[in-house]
Amino acid sequence: MNVENSIVFFGTENLALTKSFYIDLLGLELYKDQKSCQIFTTQVGGMIGFCNHLELDSQRANLIITLLTDEVDKFYRRLRDAGVTCSEPTVSEEFRIYHFFTRDPNGYRLEIQKFL
């Protein structure tokens, strides 16, 4: 048995806005458009999907979508310059990471992080 990859799916009410955020602002690629679901991929194959037939999770404030990059500050500036509210990038000594938080258009907490 071999697992080739994985996808985590989340609900959305606006696929077009979600697509624009993840492609235009974050640089992910659209892997597959299934009309009611869109699957995005990172440069090394991580996948995340959004579907308009899934309910927005009432617990979404507790969920964290984390994207790993060595360019935390670049992402912070890009999002901030686009008018997206973000926390200031900080170092977490406890987890040995450099990161910041924001929210995607669906209200999911998004963390941009690099391991130190």
PDB file of N, CA and C in Angstrom:
ATOM      1  N   MET A   1       0.845  -1.189   0.000  1.00  0.00           N
ATOM      2  CA  MET A   1       0.000   0.000   0.000  1.00  0.00           C
ATOM      3  C   MET A   1       0.879   1.238   0.000  1.00  0.00           C
ATOM      4  N   ASN A   2       0.429   2.256  -0.740  1.00  0.00           N
ATOM      5  CA  ASN A   2       1.200   3.476  -0.861  1.00  0.00           C
ATOM      6  C   ASN A   2       0.253   4.665  -0.971  1.00  0.00           C
ATOM      7  N   VAL A   3       0.396   5.640  -0.090  1.00  0.00           N
ATOM      8  CA  VAL A   3      -0.371   6.877  -0.183  1.00  0.00           C
ATOM      9  C   VAL A   3       0.471   7.868  -0.975  1.00  0.00           C
ATOM     10  N   GLU A   4      -0.075   8.341  -2.090  1.00  0.00           N
ATOM     11  CA  GLU A   4       0.680   9.223  -2.974  1.00  0.00           C
ATOM     12  C   GLU A   4       0.655  10.685  -2.535  1.00  0.00           C
ATOM     13  N   ASN A   5      -0.459  11.123  -1.975  1.00  0.00           N
ATOM     14  CA  ASN A   5      -0.597  12.515  -1.583  1.00  0.00           C
ATOM     15  C   ASN A   5      -1.837  12.631  -0.722  1.00  0.00           C
ATOM     16  N   SER A   6      -2.184  13.836  -0.328  1.00  0.00           N
ATOM     17  CA  SER A   6      -3.406  14.047   0.433  1.00  0.00           C
ATOM     18  C   SER A   6      -3.970  15.426   0.108  1.00  0.00           C
ATOM     19  N   ILE A   7      -5.257  15.566   0.333  1.00  0.00           N
ATOM     20  CA  ILE A   7      -5.949  16.844   0.147  1.00  0.00           C
ATOM     21  C   ILE A   7      -6.822  17.057   1.365  1.00  0.00           C
ATOM     22  N   VAL A   8      -6.821  18.258   1.895  1.00  0.00           N
ATOM     23  CA  VAL A   8      -7.728  18.639   2.962  1.00  0.00           C
ATOM     24  C   VAL A   8      -8.759  19.575   2.334  1.00  0.00           C
ATOM     25  N   PHE A   9     -10.052  19.294   2.548  1.00  0.00           N
ATOM     26  CA  PHE A   9     -11.122  20.096   1.963  1.00  0.00           C
ATOM     27  C   PHE A   9     -11.806  20.950   3.018  1.00  0.00           C
ATOM     28  N   PHE A  10     -12.173  22.160   2.596  1.00  0.00           N
ATOM     29  CA  PHE A  10     -12.875  23.113   3.435  1.00  0.00           C
ATOM     30  C   PHE A  10     -14.070  23.653   2.666  1.00  0.00           C
ATOM     31  N   GLY A  11     -15.065  24.120   3.395  1.00  0.00           N
ATOM     32  CA  GLY A  11     -16.222  24.738   2.768  1.00  0.00           C
ATOM     33  C   GLY A  11     -15.944  26.170   2.371  1.00  0.00           C
ATOM     34  N   THR A  12     -16.650  26.638   1.355  1.00  0.00           N
ATOM     35  CA  THR A  12     -16.579  28.033   0.936  1.00  0.00           C
ATOM     36  C   THR A  12     -17.923  28.444   0.368  1.00  0.00           C
ATOM     37  N   GLU A  13     -18.238  29.701   0.480  1.00  0.00           N
ATOM     38  CA  GLU A  13     -19.437  30.240  -0.146  1.00  0.00           C
ATOM     39  C   GLU A  13     -19.092  30.986  -1.427  1.00  0.00           C
ATOM     40  N   ASN A  14     -17.800  31.248  -1.663  1.00  0.00           N
ATOM     41  CA  ASN A  14     -17.404  32.027  -2.825  1.00  0.00           C
ATOM     42  C   ASN A  14     -16.129  31.437  -3.429  1.00  0.00           C
ATOM     43  N   LEU A  15     -16.301  30.548  -4.390  1.00  0.00           N
ATOM     44  CA  LEU A  15     -15.145  29.896  -5.027  1.00  0.00           C
ATOM     45  C   LEU A  15     -14.271  30.899  -5.768  1.00  0.00           C
ATOM     46  N   ALA A  16     -14.871  31.880  -6.425  1.00  0.00           N
ATOM     47  CA  ALA A  16     -14.089  32.846  -7.204  1.00  0.00           C
ATOM     48  C   ALA A  16     -13.184  33.681  -6.304  1.00  0.00           C
ATOM     49  N   LEU A  17     -13.701  34.158  -5.194  1.00  0.00           N
ATOM     50  CA  LEU A  17     -12.904  34.947  -4.255  1.00  0.00           C
ATOM     51  C   LEU A  17     -11.809  34.091  -3.631  1.00  0.00           C
ATOM     52  N   THR A  18     -12.150  32.859  -3.277  1.00  0.00           N
ATOM     53  CA  THR A  18     -11.171  31.938  -2.711  1.00  0.00           C
ATOM     54  C   THR A  18     -10.066  31.648  -3.719  1.00  0.00           C
ATOM     55  N   LYS A  19     -10.446  31.395  -4.971  1.00  0.00           N
ATOM     56  CA  LYS A  19      -9.467  31.133  -6.038  1.00  0.00           C
ATOM     57  C   LYS A  19      -8.524  32.320  -6.209  1.00  0.00           C
ATOM     58  N   SER A  20      -9.062  33.504  -6.256  1.00  0.00           N
ATOM     59  CA  SER A  20      -8.235  34.706  -6.408  1.00  0.00           C
ATOM     60  C   SER A  20      -7.256  34.854  -5.244  1.00  0.00           C
ATOM     61  N   PHE A  21      -7.719  34.633  -4.030  1.00  0.00           N
ATOM     62  CA  PHE A  21      -6.860  34.764  -2.852  1.00  0.00           C
ATOM     63  C   PHE A  21      -5.706  33.769  -2.899  1.00  0.00           C
ATOM     64  N   TYR A  22      -6.016  32.506  -3.141  1.00  0.00           N
ATOM     65  CA  TYR A  22      -4.976  31.474  -3.083  1.00  0.00           C
ATOM     66  C   TYR A  22      -4.049  31.482  -4.298  1.00  0.00           C
ATOM     67  N   ILE A  23      -4.534  31.927  -5.449  1.00  0.00           N
ATOM     68  CA  ILE A  23      -3.674  31.992  -6.634  1.00  0.00           C
ATOM     69  C   ILE A  23      -2.954  33.334  -6.716  1.00  0.00           C
ATOM     70  N   ASP A  24      -3.724  34.430  -6.716  1.00  0.00           N
ATOM     71  CA  ASP A  24      -3.141  35.753  -6.951  1.00  0.00           C
ATOM     72  C   ASP A  24      -2.308  36.262  -5.787  1.00  0.00           C
ATOM     73  N   LEU A  25      -2.754  36.047  -4.563  1.00  0.00           N
ATOM     74  CA  LEU A  25      -2.019  36.567  -3.409  1.00  0.00           C
ATOM     75  C   LEU A  25      -0.996  35.581  -2.856  1.00  0.00           C
ATOM     76  N   LEU A  26      -1.330  34.298  -2.856  1.00  0.00           N
ATOM     77  CA  LEU A  26      -0.437  33.321  -2.228  1.00  0.00           C
ATOM     78  C   LEU A  26       0.388  32.522  -3.229  1.00  0.00           C
ATOM     79  N   GLY A  27       0.056  32.583  -4.498  1.00  0.00           N
ATOM     80  CA  GLY A  27       0.873  31.925  -5.513  1.00  0.00           C
ATOM     81  C   GLY A  27       0.677  30.427  -5.644  1.00  0.00           C
ATOM     82  N   LEU A  28      -0.400  29.886  -5.065  1.00  0.00           N
ATOM     83  CA  LEU A  28      -0.669  28.468  -5.265  1.00  0.00           C
ATOM     84  C   LEU A  28      -1.174  28.263  -6.687  1.00  0.00           C
ATOM     85  N   GLU A  29      -1.125  27.038  -7.161  1.00  0.00           N
ATOM     86  CA  GLU A  29      -1.605  26.724  -8.505  1.00  0.00           C
ATOM     87  C   GLU A  29      -2.912  25.958  -8.409  1.00  0.00           C
ATOM     88  N   LEU A  30      -3.793  26.215  -9.376  1.00  0.00           N
ATOM     89  CA  LEU A  30      -5.028  25.450  -9.446  1.00  0.00           C
ATOM     90  C   LEU A  30      -4.695  24.084 -10.027  1.00  0.00           C
ATOM     91  N   TYR A  31      -4.865  23.050  -9.238  1.00  0.00           N
ATOM     92  CA  TYR A  31      -4.560  21.691  -9.656  1.00  0.00           C
ATOM     93  C   TYR A  31      -5.735  21.090 -10.428  1.00  0.00           C
ATOM     94  N   LYS A  32      -6.940  21.318  -9.897  1.00  0.00           N
ATOM     95  CA  LYS A  32      -8.118  20.750 -10.541  1.00  0.00           C
ATOM     96  C   LYS A  32      -9.330  21.596 -10.196  1.00  0.00           C
ATOM     97  N   ASP A  33     -10.111  21.912 -11.232  1.00  0.00           N
ATOM     98  CA  ASP A  33     -11.367  22.628 -11.046  1.00  0.00           C
ATOM     99  C   ASP A  33     -12.493  21.650 -11.325  1.00  0.00           C
ATOM    100  N   GLN A  34     -13.214  21.273 -10.275  1.00  0.00           N
ATOM    101  CA  GLN A  34     -14.302  20.319 -10.402  1.00  0.00           C
ATOM    102  C   GLN A  34     -15.655  21.025 -10.377  1.00  0.00           C
ATOM    103  N   LYS A  35     -15.654  22.290 -10.729  1.00  0.00           N
ATOM    104  CA  LYS A  35     -16.835  23.158 -10.744  1.00  0.00           C
ATOM    105  C   LYS A  35     -17.311  23.523  -9.338  1.00  0.00           C
ATOM    106  N   SER A  36     -17.730  22.574  -8.528  1.00  0.00           N
ATOM    107  CA  SER A  36     -18.154  22.910  -7.170  1.00  0.00           C
ATOM    108  C   SER A  36     -17.017  22.793  -6.164  1.00  0.00           C
ATOM    109  N   CYS A  37     -15.874  22.273  -6.611  1.00  0.00           N
ATOM    110  CA  CYS A  37     -14.666  22.177  -5.782  1.00  0.00           C
ATOM    111  C   CYS A  37     -13.464  22.624  -6.606  1.00  0.00           C
ATOM    112  N   GLN A  38     -12.574  23.317  -5.951  1.00  0.00           N
ATOM    113  CA  GLN A  38     -11.308  23.687  -6.574  1.00  0.00           C
ATOM    114  C   GLN A  38     -10.193  23.203  -5.666  1.00  0.00           C
ATOM    115  N   ILE A  39      -9.197  22.574  -6.291  1.00  0.00           N
ATOM    116  CA  ILE A  39      -8.072  22.028  -5.543  1.00  0.00           C
ATOM    117  C   ILE A  39      -6.825  22.789  -5.939  1.00  0.00           C
ATOM    118  N   PHE A  40      -6.116  23.294  -4.938  1.00  0.00           N
ATOM    119  CA  PHE A  40      -4.892  24.069  -5.154  1.00  0.00           C
ATOM    120  C   PHE A  40      -3.700  23.261  -4.678  1.00  0.00           C
ATOM    121  N   THR A  41      -2.565  23.497  -5.287  1.00  0.00           N
ATOM    122  CA  THR A  41      -1.361  22.763  -4.911  1.00  0.00           C
ATOM    123  C   THR A  41      -0.213  23.739  -4.679  1.00  0.00           C
ATOM    124  N   THR A  42       0.677  23.346  -3.769  1.00  0.00           N
ATOM    125  CA  THR A  42       1.889  24.119  -3.538  1.00  0.00           C
ATOM    126  C   THR A  42       2.972  23.615  -4.483  1.00  0.00           C
ATOM    127  N   GLN A  43       4.107  24.286  -4.485  1.00  0.00           N
ATOM    128  CA  GLN A  43       5.195  23.929  -5.393  1.00  0.00           C
ATOM    129  C   GLN A  43       5.723  22.521  -5.167  1.00  0.00           C
ATOM    130  N   VAL A  44       5.596  21.987  -3.965  1.00  0.00           N
ATOM    131  CA  VAL A  44       6.120  20.642  -3.705  1.00  0.00           C
ATOM    132  C   VAL A  44       5.008  19.620  -3.527  1.00  0.00           C
ATOM    133  N   GLY A  45       3.781  19.962  -3.899  1.00  0.00           N
ATOM    134  CA  GLY A  45       2.734  18.964  -3.963  1.00  0.00           C
ATOM    135  C   GLY A  45       1.709  18.928  -2.854  1.00  0.00           C
ATOM    136  N   GLY A  46       1.821  19.778  -1.851  1.00  0.00           N
ATOM    137  CA  GLY A  46       0.768  19.830  -0.838  1.00  0.00           C
ATOM    138  C   GLY A  46      -0.520  20.313  -1.487  1.00  0.00           C
ATOM    139  N   MET A  47      -1.662  19.796  -1.043  1.00  0.00           N
ATOM    140  CA  MET A  47      -2.935  20.149  -1.664  1.00  0.00           C
ATOM    141  C   MET A  47      -3.964  20.590  -0.638  1.00  0.00           C
ATOM    142  N   ILE A  48      -4.768  21.567  -1.055  1.00  0.00           N
ATOM    143  CA  ILE A  48      -5.873  22.059  -0.248  1.00  0.00           C
ATOM    144  C   ILE A  48      -7.025  22.316  -1.200  1.00  0.00           C
ATOM    145  N   GLY A  49      -8.232  21.944  -0.773  1.00  0.00           N
ATOM    146  CA  GLY A  49      -9.402  22.119  -1.625  1.00  0.00           C
ATOM    147  C   GLY A  49     -10.492  22.894  -0.929  1.00  0.00           C
ATOM    148  N   PHE A  50     -11.284  23.588  -1.736  1.00  0.00           N
ATOM    149  CA  PHE A  50     -12.434  24.335  -1.234  1.00  0.00           C
ATOM    150  C   PHE A  50     -13.637  23.957  -2.079  1.00  0.00           C
ATOM    151  N   CYS A  51     -14.754  23.664  -1.423  1.00  0.00           N
ATOM    152  CA  CYS A  51     -15.966  23.216  -2.106  1.00  0.00           C
ATOM    153  C   CYS A  51     -17.151  24.061  -1.649  1.00  0.00           C
ATOM    154  N   ASN A  52     -17.983  24.441  -2.629  1.00  0.00           N
ATOM    155  CA  ASN A  52     -19.140  25.250  -2.250  1.00  0.00           C
ATOM    156  C   ASN A  52     -20.336  24.402  -1.823  1.00  0.00           C
ATOM    157  N   HIS A  53     -20.215  23.077  -1.876  1.00  0.00           N
ATOM    158  CA  HIS A  53     -21.300  22.239  -1.363  1.00  0.00           C
ATOM    159  C   HIS A  53     -21.038  21.795   0.084  1.00  0.00           C
ATOM    160  N   LEU A  54     -19.873  22.139   0.621  1.00  0.00           N
ATOM    161  CA  LEU A  54     -19.568  21.861   2.022  1.00  0.00           C
ATOM    162  C   LEU A  54     -19.931  23.079   2.854  1.00  0.00           C
ATOM    163  N   GLU A  55     -20.482  22.841   4.010  1.00  0.00           N
ATOM    164  CA  GLU A  55     -20.809  23.956   4.896  1.00  0.00           C
ATOM    165  C   GLU A  55     -19.530  24.582   5.444  1.00  0.00           C
ATOM    166  N   LEU A  56     -19.603  25.887   5.666  1.00  0.00           N
ATOM    167  CA  LEU A  56     -18.510  26.536   6.371  1.00  0.00           C
ATOM    168  C   LEU A  56     -18.549  26.020   7.796  1.00  0.00           C
ATOM    169  N   ASP A  57     -17.468  25.466   8.250  1.00  0.00           N
ATOM    170  CA  ASP A  57     -17.395  24.834   9.558  1.00  0.00           C
ATOM    171  C   ASP A  57     -17.599  25.876  10.650  1.00  0.00           C
ATOM    172  N   SER A  58     -18.507  25.598  11.561  1.00  0.00           N
ATOM    173  CA  SER A  58     -18.749  26.526  12.674  1.00  0.00           C
ATOM    174  C   SER A  58     -17.532  26.617  13.588  1.00  0.00           C
ATOM    175  N   GLN A  59     -16.624  25.661  13.487  1.00  0.00           N
ATOM    176  CA  GLN A  59     -15.407  25.662  14.294  1.00  0.00           C
ATOM    177  C   GLN A  59     -14.215  26.245  13.531  1.00  0.00           C
ATOM    178  N   ARG A  60     -14.473  26.911  12.395  1.00  0.00           N
ATOM    179  CA  ARG A  60     -13.360  27.362  11.560  1.00  0.00           C
ATOM    180  C   ARG A  60     -12.411  28.303  12.281  1.00  0.00           C
ATOM    181  N   ALA A  61     -12.863  28.993  13.311  1.00  0.00           N
ATOM    182  CA  ALA A  61     -11.968  29.860  14.074  1.00  0.00           C
ATOM    183  C   ALA A  61     -10.879  29.054  14.766  1.00  0.00           C
ATOM    184  N   ASN A  62     -11.126  27.758  15.000  1.00  0.00           N
ATOM    185  CA  ASN A  62     -10.144  26.906  15.666  1.00  0.00           C
ATOM    186  C   ASN A  62      -9.230  26.170  14.690  1.00  0.00           C
ATOM    187  N   LEU A  63      -9.564  26.214  13.404  1.00  0.00           N
ATOM    188  CA  LEU A  63      -8.743  25.547  12.394  1.00  0.00           C
ATOM    189  C   LEU A  63      -7.615  26.455  11.957  1.00  0.00           C
ATOM    190  N   ILE A  64      -6.488  25.872  11.593  1.00  0.00           N
ATOM    191  CA  ILE A  64      -5.369  26.654  11.069  1.00  0.00           C
ATOM    192  C   ILE A  64      -4.890  25.990   9.783  1.00  0.00           C
ATOM    193  N   ILE A  65      -4.884  26.762   8.706  1.00  0.00           N
ATOM    194  CA  ILE A  65      -4.249  26.339   7.457  1.00  0.00           C
ATOM    195  C   ILE A  65      -2.853  26.939   7.496  1.00  0.00           C
ATOM    196  N   THR A  66      -1.828  26.108   7.498  1.00  0.00           N
ATOM    197  CA  THR A  66      -0.455  26.587   7.579  1.00  0.00           C
ATOM    198  C   THR A  66       0.252  26.346   6.256  1.00  0.00           C
ATOM    199  N   LEU A  67       0.833  27.404   5.714  1.00  0.00           N
ATOM    200  CA  LEU A  67       1.642  27.310   4.508  1.00  0.00           C
ATOM    201  C   LEU A  67       3.087  27.561   4.895  1.00  0.00           C
ATOM    202  N   LEU A  68       3.970  26.677   4.478  1.00  0.00           N
ATOM    203  CA  LEU A  68       5.391  26.772   4.824  1.00  0.00           C
ATOM    204  C   LEU A  68       6.164  27.466   3.709  1.00  0.00           C
ATOM    205  N   THR A  69       7.011  28.406   4.101  1.00  0.00           N
ATOM    206  CA  THR A  69       7.824  29.145   3.148  1.00  0.00           C
ATOM    207  C   THR A  69       9.019  29.764   3.863  1.00  0.00           C
ATOM    208  N   ASP A  70      10.096  29.971   3.133  1.00  0.00           N
ATOM    209  CA  ASP A  70      11.226  30.726   3.675  1.00  0.00           C
ATOM    210  C   ASP A  70      11.020  32.225   3.481  1.00  0.00           C
ATOM    211  N   GLU A  71       9.946  32.612   2.803  1.00  0.00           N
ATOM    212  CA  GLU A  71       9.703  34.011   2.453  1.00  0.00           C
ATOM    213  C   GLU A  71       8.536  34.611   3.252  1.00  0.00           C
ATOM    214  N   VAL A  72       8.552  34.400   4.546  1.00  0.00           N
ATOM    215  CA  VAL A  72       7.474  34.878   5.409  1.00  0.00           C
ATOM    216  C   VAL A  72       7.272  36.379   5.249  1.00  0.00           C
ATOM    217  N   ASP A  73       8.352  37.151   5.289  1.00  0.00           N
ATOM    218  CA  ASP A  73       8.229  38.608   5.192  1.00  0.00           C
ATOM    219  C   ASP A  73       7.676  39.049   3.843  1.00  0.00           C
ATOM    220  N   LYS A  74       8.052  38.368   2.784  1.00  0.00           N
ATOM    221  CA  LYS A  74       7.548  38.694   1.448  1.00  0.00           C
ATOM    222  C   LYS A  74       6.036  38.466   1.385  1.00  0.00           C
ATOM    223  N   PHE A  75       5.570  37.351   1.930  1.00  0.00           N
ATOM    224  CA  PHE A  75       4.132  37.078   1.958  1.00  0.00           C
ATOM    225  C   PHE A  75       3.409  38.093   2.832  1.00  0.00           C
ATOM    226  N   TYR A  76       4.021  38.442   3.953  1.00  0.00           N
ATOM    227  CA  TYR A  76       3.408  39.436   4.842  1.00  0.00           C
ATOM    228  C   TYR A  76       3.213  40.763   4.106  1.00  0.00           C
ATOM    229  N   ARG A  77       4.244  41.240   3.427  1.00  0.00           N
ATOM    230  CA  ARG A  77       4.146  42.509   2.696  1.00  0.00           C
ATOM    231  C   ARG A  77       3.103  42.424   1.576  1.00  0.00           C
ATOM    232  N   ARG A  78       3.092  41.317   0.843  1.00  0.00           N
ATOM    233  CA  ARG A  78       2.142  41.162  -0.263  1.00  0.00           C
ATOM    234  C   ARG A  78       0.700  41.216   0.245  1.00  0.00           C
ATOM    235  N   LEU A  79       0.427  40.485   1.308  1.00  0.00           N
ATOM    236  CA  LEU A  79      -0.930  40.481   1.852  1.00  0.00           C
ATOM    237  C   LEU A  79      -1.303  41.836   2.446  1.00  0.00           C
ATOM    238  N   ARG A  80      -0.400  42.405   3.219  1.00  0.00           N
ATOM    239  CA  ARG A  80      -0.661  43.713   3.834  1.00  0.00           C
ATOM    240  C   ARG A  80      -0.894  44.773   2.758  1.00  0.00           C
ATOM    241  N   ASP A  81      -0.053  44.765   1.704  1.00  0.00           N
ATOM    242  CA  ASP A  81      -0.199  45.742   0.623  1.00  0.00           C
ATOM    243  C   ASP A  81      -1.509  45.567  -0.135  1.00  0.00           C
ATOM    244  N   ALA A  82      -2.071  44.351  -0.105  1.00  0.00           N
ATOM    245  CA  ALA A  82      -3.351  44.078  -0.755  1.00  0.00           C
ATOM    246  C   ALA A  82      -4.527  44.407   0.160  1.00  0.00           C
ATOM    247  N   GLY A  83      -4.237  44.927   1.367  1.00  0.00           N
ATOM    248  CA  GLY A  83      -5.287  45.322   2.289  1.00  0.00           C
ATOM    249  C   GLY A  83      -5.787  44.221   3.203  1.00  0.00           C
ATOM    250  N   VAL A  84      -5.060  43.098   3.241  1.00  0.00           N
ATOM    251  CA  VAL A  84      -5.436  41.985   4.099  1.00  0.00           C
ATOM    252  C   VAL A  84      -4.883  42.239   5.505  1.00  0.00           C
ATOM    253  N   THR A  85      -5.710  42.101   6.521  1.00  0.00           N
ATOM    254  CA  THR A  85      -5.284  42.291   7.905  1.00  0.00           C
ATOM    255  C   THR A  85      -4.445  41.092   8.341  1.00  0.00           C
ATOM    256  N   CYS A  86      -3.256  41.369   8.859  1.00  0.00           N
ATOM    257  CA  CYS A  86      -2.328  40.316   9.292  1.00  0.00           C
ATOM    258  C   CYS A  86      -1.731  40.693  10.641  1.00  0.00           C
ATOM    259  N   SER A  87      -1.385  39.684  11.428  1.00  0.00           N
ATOM    260  CA  SER A  87      -0.591  39.937  12.624  1.00  0.00           C
ATOM    261  C   SER A  87       0.841  40.225  12.175  1.00  0.00           C
ATOM    262  N   GLU A  88       1.614  40.837  13.033  1.00  0.00           N
ATOM    263  CA  GLU A  88       3.026  41.075  12.720  1.00  0.00           C
ATOM    264  C   GLU A  88       3.786  39.753  12.742  1.00  0.00           C
ATOM    265  N   PRO A  89       4.724  39.553  11.820  1.00  0.00           N
ATOM    266  CA  PRO A  89       5.551  38.343  11.892  1.00  0.00           C
ATOM    267  C   PRO A  89       6.355  38.327  13.194  1.00  0.00           C
ATOM    268  N   THR A  90       6.378  37.164  13.827  1.00  0.00           N
ATOM    269  CA  THR A  90       7.102  37.010  15.093  1.00  0.00           C
ATOM    270  C   THR A  90       7.801  35.662  15.139  1.00  0.00           C
ATOM    271  N   VAL A  91       8.756  35.583  16.056  1.00  0.00           N
ATOM    272  CA  VAL A  91       9.434  34.316  16.329  1.00  0.00           C
ATOM    273  C   VAL A  91       8.755  33.669  17.527  1.00  0.00           C
ATOM    274  N   SER A  92       8.430  32.398  17.389  1.00  0.00           N
ATOM    275  CA  SER A  92       7.947  31.612  18.518  1.00  0.00           C
ATOM    276  C   SER A  92       9.105  30.736  18.966  1.00  0.00           C
ATOM    277  N   GLU A  93       9.673  31.070  20.123  1.00  0.00           N
ATOM    278  CA  GLU A  93      10.777  30.268  20.660  1.00  0.00           C
ATOM    279  C   GLU A  93      10.295  28.868  21.043  1.00  0.00           C
ATOM    280  N   GLU A  94       9.050  28.793  21.517  1.00  0.00           N
ATOM    281  CA  GLU A  94       8.501  27.505  21.937  1.00  0.00           C
ATOM    282  C   GLU A  94       8.478  26.497  20.776  1.00  0.00           C
ATOM    283  N   PHE A  95       8.027  26.957  19.602  1.00  0.00           N
ATOM    284  CA  PHE A  95       7.908  26.054  18.459  1.00  0.00           C
ATOM    285  C   PHE A  95       9.050  26.201  17.465  1.00  0.00           C
ATOM    286  N   ARG A  96       9.954  27.153  17.728  1.00  0.00           N
ATOM    287  CA  ARG A  96      11.102  27.411  16.844  1.00  0.00           C
ATOM    288  C   ARG A  96      10.635  27.700  15.420  1.00  0.00           C
ATOM    289  N   ILE A  97       9.718  28.674  15.302  1.00  0.00           N
ATOM    290  CA  ILE A  97       9.197  29.086  14.003  1.00  0.00           C
ATOM    291  C   ILE A  97       9.171  30.602  13.906  1.00  0.00           C
ATOM    292  N   TYR A  98       9.133  31.093  12.687  1.00  0.00           N
ATOM    293  CA  TYR A  98       8.893  32.505  12.375  1.00  0.00           C
ATOM    294  C   TYR A  98       7.601  32.521  11.588  1.00  0.00           C
ATOM    295  N   HIS A  99       6.604  33.321  12.022  1.00  0.00           N
ATOM    296  CA  HIS A  99       5.287  33.199  11.409  1.00  0.00           C
ATOM    297  C   HIS A  99       4.420  34.428  11.637  1.00  0.00           C
ATOM    298  N   PHE A 100       3.314  34.465  10.880  1.00  0.00           N
ATOM    299  CA  PHE A 100       2.251  35.425  11.137  1.00  0.00           C
ATOM    300  C   PHE A 100       0.921  34.780  10.773  1.00  0.00           C
ATOM    301  N   PHE A 101      -0.148  35.402  11.246  1.00  0.00           N
ATOM    302  CA  PHE A 101      -1.496  34.904  10.998  1.00  0.00           C
ATOM    303  C   PHE A 101      -2.318  35.931  10.239  1.00  0.00           C
ATOM    304  N   THR A 102      -3.264  35.415   9.471  1.00  0.00           N
ATOM    305  CA  THR A 102      -4.270  36.225   8.796  1.00  0.00           C
ATOM    306  C   THR A 102      -5.512  35.365   8.658  1.00  0.00           C
ATOM    307  N   ARG A 103      -6.498  35.837   7.951  1.00  0.00           N
ATOM    308  CA  ARG A 103      -7.701  35.060   7.649  1.00  0.00           C
ATOM    309  C   ARG A 103      -7.888  35.037   6.138  1.00  0.00           C
ATOM    310  N   ASP A 104      -8.308  33.890   5.621  1.00  0.00           N
ATOM    311  CA  ASP A 104      -8.614  33.828   4.199  1.00  0.00           C
ATOM    312  C   ASP A 104     -10.029  34.373   3.989  1.00  0.00           C
ATOM    313  N   PRO A 105     -10.496  34.495   2.742  1.00  0.00           N
ATOM    314  CA  PRO A 105     -11.827  35.082   2.508  1.00  0.00           C
ATOM    315  C   PRO A 105     -12.974  34.303   3.143  1.00  0.00           C
ATOM    316  N   ASN A 106     -12.738  33.074   3.544  1.00  0.00           N
ATOM    317  CA  ASN A 106     -13.771  32.254   4.162  1.00  0.00           C
ATOM    318  C   ASN A 106     -13.769  32.348   5.685  1.00  0.00           C
ATOM    319  N   GLY A 107     -12.806  33.079   6.237  1.00  0.00           N
ATOM    320  CA  GLY A 107     -12.702  33.216   7.684  1.00  0.00           C
ATOM    321  C   GLY A 107     -11.803  32.189   8.338  1.00  0.00           C
ATOM    322  N   TYR A 108     -11.179  31.313   7.537  1.00  0.00           N
ATOM    323  CA  TYR A 108     -10.250  30.340   8.110  1.00  0.00           C
ATOM    324  C   TYR A 108      -8.956  31.043   8.506  1.00  0.00           C
ATOM    325  N   ARG A 109      -8.424  30.653   9.656  1.00  0.00           N
ATOM    326  CA  ARG A 109      -7.150  31.210  10.108  1.00  0.00           C
ATOM    327  C   ARG A 109      -6.046  30.631   9.239  1.00  0.00           C
ATOM    328  N   LEU A 110      -5.219  31.512   8.693  1.00  0.00           N
ATOM    329  CA  LEU A 110      -4.127  31.127   7.808  1.00  0.00           C
ATOM    330  C   LEU A 110      -2.818  31.556   8.452  1.00  0.00           C
ATOM    331  N   GLU A 111      -1.920  30.619   8.566  1.00  0.00           N
ATOM    332  CA  GLU A 111      -0.595  30.877   9.141  1.00  0.00           C
ATOM    333  C   GLU A 111       0.446  30.724   8.024  1.00  0.00           C
ATOM    334  N   ILE A 112       1.289  31.733   7.897  1.00  0.00           N
ATOM    335  CA  ILE A 112       2.427  31.667   6.993  1.00  0.00           C
ATOM    336  C   ILE A 112       3.637  31.487   7.893  1.00  0.00           C
ATOM    337  N   GLN A 113       4.413  30.423   7.669  1.00  0.00           N
ATOM    338  CA  GLN A 113       5.432  30.034   8.664  1.00  0.00           C
ATOM    339  C   GLN A 113       6.671  29.460   8.008  1.00  0.00           C
ATOM    340  N   LYS A 114       7.782  29.635   8.727  1.00  0.00           N
ATOM    341  CA  LYS A 114       9.000  28.889   8.393  1.00  0.00           C
ATOM    342  C   LYS A 114       9.579  28.333   9.683  1.00  0.00           C
ATOM    343  N   PHE A 115      10.168  27.143   9.548  1.00  0.00           N
ATOM    344  CA  PHE A 115      10.839  26.529  10.680  1.00  0.00           C
ATOM    345  C   PHE A 115      12.226  27.150  10.842  1.00  0.00           C
ATOM    346  N   LEU A 116      12.626  27.393  12.082  1.00  0.00           N
ATOM    347  CA  LEU A 116      13.951  27.951  12.349  1.00  0.00           C
ATOM    348  C   LEU A 116      14.933  26.844  12.691  1.00  0.00           C
TER     349      LEU A 116
END
